[in-house]
Amino acid sequence: MILRQVENFFPRLDYLLPEIKKIKLYNQNDYNKLLQKNETWPGYRSKMLRDENLFFYELINTLLFQHKLLEKGGYEINSHLHLRLKDDEEKDWIHKDEDDFASLIYLSETNLNSGTNLYNDDNKIINQIVSIKNRAVLYSGDYNHKAYGHYGTNVQDGRLTINIFIKNYGT
């Protein structure tokens, strides 16, 4: 499976977005210090959403199944709010996630010059996912990928996504 995509992931994103933007975001150094981790990523990230806002976390998980992005089975689902700003563009890189699947939900206004590229093993683009507000995508963790087209200066005008990492434990 390369990609599954759903438009209008959240039924009423306009009502959720002001609450989502209240979730505290951390730069990489503060995040790692707070949670005693050693992770690398550009931009700003929240703690796991299940720790920040359990209702929102459960809503996302329910919608992943309702929209058939995930099928019946056993999963470990970890999600974060992630903000990337214009200054983060040169800090990003092509990488693979360690999970079985990764998913993104684009929360910012539609930006046709921003999104996520999927690459083959030779780092040639095989799929370009454009940042459309309220679009959710799910792809195999086996794919190299990289965000592109970072923009803005804050949570109100930057590239805001929900990043979801999924381990599949079967049925």
Foldseek 3Di string as FASTA:
>chain_A
DFKDKDAQLDVCLVVVVVVVQVADWDAPVVVCVVVVHDDDDFAIKGAWCCVRPVVVVVSNVVSCVVVPVDDDADKDKTKMKGWHAPVCQVVKDWDFDPAQKKKKFWAAAFDQQWFKFWADPVRDTPDTDGRHHGMMMMGGSVTTMIIHDWHDDGPNHTGIMMMMGMHTPGD
